[in-house]
């Protein structure tokens, strides 16, 4: 079941991000930074952070925003919801959470007058790119990041793969 993350989930969320970062490094050589607790708290308080629970455990988390001009430039003017930082508990891998998130996003986006669901990920992980395409996203290519002020460290000097789903 997909619901908003609560402040009581904070430690679980940060642990999941750490585990996902460690896994990401083994797969692609790229690691997420340690995310700022206050950033996560803000997302939770603004009801932009979500979770999937399995057997009362936080199995997967992600956040959203309705604005991502640094990555999407002029396309940011399009009505879109942007998904960020999907992280899955390793004990629950293989349960097709991204497919569940896509199904959820296809309902969530129109409820908020959005025509697109968009994501970005560090470029170069072909297996992940193929998976996102299999889940319904169109791969739009890569973008070298230049304006990264205020972004988490993994955007600095990075090339991001861009994905879009029209709803």
Protein backbone atom coordinates (compact mmCIF):
# COMPACT_ATOMS: atom_id res chain seq x y z
CA UNK A 1 0.00 0.00 0.00
CA UNK A 2 1.28 3.48 -0.90
CA UNK A 3 0.90 6.19 1.71
CA UNK A 4 2.67 9.35 2.80
CA UNK A 5 5.78 8.83 4.88
CA UNK A 6 5.50 10.08 8.47
CA UNK A 7 8.11 11.72 10.68
CA UNK A 8 8.16 8.48 12.70
CA UNK A 9 9.59 6.80 9.57
CA UNK A 10 12.61 9.13 9.44
CA UNK A 11 15.20 6.61 10.70
CA UNK A 12 13.87 3.92 8.37
CA UNK A 13 13.97 6.34 5.44
CA UNK A 14 17.56 7.39 6.12
CA UNK A 15 18.60 3.76 6.56
CA UNK A 16 16.99 2.84 3.22
CA UNK A 17 18.79 5.68 1.48
CA UNK A 18 22.10 4.50 2.93
CA UNK A 19 21.46 0.90 1.83
CA UNK A 20 20.39 2.07 -1.64
CA UNK A 21 23.48 4.24 -1.92
CA UNK A 22 25.75 1.34 -1.01
CA UNK A 23 24.00 -0.90 -3.56
CA UNK A 24 24.11 1.80 -6.23
CA UNK A 25 27.86 2.10 -5.77
CA UNK A 26 28.38 -1.64 -6.36
CA UNK A 27 26.20 -1.58 -9.50
CA UNK A 28 27.21 1.69 -11.16
CA UNK A 29 30.15 3.05 -9.21
CA UNK A 30 28.06 6.11 -8.31
CA UNK A 31 26.96 6.69 -4.75
CA UNK A 32 24.26 8.93 -3.35
CA UNK A 33 25.40 11.40 -0.71
CA UNK A 34 24.08 11.21 2.81
CA UNK A 35 20.79 13.07 2.47
CA UNK A 36 20.05 15.96 4.77
CA UNK A 37 17.59 15.02 7.50
CA UNK A 38 15.94 18.45 7.26
CA UNK A 39 15.39 18.02 3.52
CA UNK A 40 13.57 14.73 4.16
CA UNK A 41 11.62 16.28 7.05
CA UNK A 42 10.46 19.10 4.76
CA UNK A 43 9.33 16.62 2.10
CA UNK A 44 7.40 14.65 4.73
CA UNK A 45 5.80 17.78 6.20
CA UNK A 46 4.81 18.93 2.70
CA UNK A 47 3.35 15.47 1.97
CA UNK A 48 5.80 14.92 -0.90
CA UNK A 49 7.45 11.80 0.52
CA UNK A 50 5.89 8.38 0.07
CA UNK A 51 6.38 4.78 1.12
CA UNK A 52 5.32 1.27 0.33
CA UNK A 53 5.01 -0.95 3.37
CA UNK A 54 5.17 -4.73 3.48
CA UNK A 55 4.41 -6.59 6.71
CA UNK A 56 4.45 -3.24 8.55
CA UNK A 57 8.01 -2.55 7.36
CA UNK A 58 9.04 0.34 5.13
CA UNK A 59 9.94 -1.49 1.94
CA UNK A 60 10.36 1.37 -0.55
CA UNK A 61 10.44 5.18 -0.41
CA UNK A 62 10.57 8.10 -2.84
CA UNK A 63 9.80 11.79 -3.01
CA UNK A 64 8.11 14.03 -5.55
CA UNK A 65 8.13 17.63 -6.61
CA UNK A 66 6.14 19.63 -9.12
CA UNK A 67 9.13 21.73 -10.18
CA UNK A 68 12.54 20.60 -11.43
CA UNK A 69 13.85 23.42 -13.62
CA UNK A 70 17.54 22.63 -13.05
CA UNK A 71 17.18 19.22 -14.70
CA UNK A 72 14.33 19.82 -17.12
CA UNK A 73 15.02 23.45 -18.21
CA UNK A 74 12.30 24.67 -20.61
CA UNK A 75 10.37 21.38 -20.30
CA UNK A 76 9.78 22.33 -16.66
CA UNK A 77 6.96 24.55 -17.97
CA UNK A 78 5.01 21.38 -18.84
CA UNK A 79 2.60 20.20 -16.12
CA UNK A 80 4.56 17.33 -14.56
CA UNK A 81 5.24 15.48 -11.36
CA UNK A 82 8.90 14.60 -10.79
CA UNK A 83 9.84 11.43 -8.90
CA UNK A 84 13.11 11.42 -6.97
CA UNK A 85 15.21 9.02 -4.90
CA UNK A 86 13.39 5.70 -5.18
CA UNK A 87 15.04 3.44 -2.60
CA UNK A 88 14.11 -0.16 -1.85
CA UNK A 89 14.91 -2.21 1.21
CA UNK A 90 17.14 -5.06 -0.06
CA UNK A 91 14.95 -7.56 1.79
CA UNK A 92 12.11 -6.63 -0.56
CA UNK A 93 13.91 -6.37 -3.92
CA UNK A 94 12.24 -8.02 -6.85
CA UNK A 95 8.70 -7.02 -5.83
CA UNK A 96 8.35 -4.61 -8.76
CA UNK A 97 7.94 -1.49 -6.66
CA UNK A 98 8.71 0.81 -9.60
CA UNK A 99 5.78 -0.75 -11.45
CA UNK A 100 3.60 -0.02 -8.40
CA UNK A 101 4.92 3.55 -8.26
CA UNK A 102 4.12 4.00 -11.98
CA UNK A 103 0.56 2.76 -11.44
CA UNK A 104 0.21 5.14 -8.47
CA UNK A 105 1.74 8.06 -10.43
CA UNK A 106 -0.68 7.53 -13.34
CA UNK A 107 -3.51 8.20 -10.88
CA UNK A 108 -1.70 10.84 -8.80
CA UNK A 109 -0.58 13.07 -11.71
CA UNK A 110 -4.04 13.75 -13.22
CA UNK A 111 -5.46 14.41 -9.74
CA UNK A 112 -2.93 17.27 -9.56
CA UNK A 113 -3.54 18.45 -13.14
CA UNK A 114 -0.25 17.04 -14.42
CA UNK A 115 0.23 15.49 -17.86
CA UNK A 116 3.64 13.88 -17.29
CA UNK A 117 5.51 11.81 -14.77
CA UNK A 118 9.26 12.40 -15.00
CA UNK A 119 12.38 10.96 -13.41
CA UNK A 120 16.10 11.30 -13.73
CA UNK A 121 18.89 8.98 -12.71
CA UNK A 122 22.64 9.02 -13.01
CA UNK A 123 23.43 8.13 -16.61
CA UNK A 124 25.29 4.99 -17.57
CA UNK A 125 23.30 2.23 -15.85
CA UNK A 126 21.85 0.45 -18.88
CA UNK A 127 20.07 -2.18 -16.79
CA UNK A 128 18.20 0.53 -14.86
CA UNK A 129 17.43 2.44 -18.06
CA UNK A 130 15.97 -0.70 -19.61
CA UNK A 131 13.90 -1.36 -16.48
CA UNK A 132 12.42 2.14 -16.44
CA UNK A 133 11.52 1.79 -20.13
CA UNK A 134 9.93 -1.59 -19.39
CA UNK A 135 7.87 0.14 -16.68
CA UNK A 136 6.44 2.53 -19.27
CA UNK A 137 8.83 5.49 -19.31
CA UNK A 138 10.31 6.89 -22.49
CA UNK A 139 14.07 7.43 -22.26
CA UNK A 140 14.72 10.98 -23.50
CA UNK A 141 18.51 10.86 -23.41
CA UNK A 142 21.19 12.24 -21.15
CA UNK A 143 21.81 15.73 -19.84
CA UNK A 144 25.05 17.09 -18.40
CA UNK A 145 24.18 19.03 -15.26
CA UNK A 146 25.46 22.59 -15.06
CA UNK A 147 23.19 24.47 -12.63
CA UNK A 148 23.23 22.38 -9.44
CA UNK A 149 23.02 25.00 -6.70
CA UNK A 150 20.96 23.64 -3.82
CA UNK A 151 20.84 20.12 -5.28
CA UNK A 152 22.10 17.02 -3.47
CA UNK A 153 25.76 16.27 -4.19
CA UNK A 154 25.13 13.46 -6.68
CA UNK A 155 23.94 16.07 -9.23
CA UNK A 156 27.22 18.01 -9.17
CA UNK A 157 29.34 17.34 -12.28
CA UNK A 158 26.92 14.55 -13.23
CA UNK A 159 25.21 13.43 -16.38
CA UNK A 160 21.61 12.42 -15.78
CA UNK A 161 19.40 10.08 -17.81
CA UNK A 162 15.96 11.61 -18.34
CA UNK A 163 12.71 9.63 -18.37
CA UNK A 164 9.14 10.68 -19.10
CA UNK A 165 5.74 9.04 -18.98
CA UNK A 166 2.71 10.75 -20.51
CA UNK A 167 -0.46 10.15 -18.48
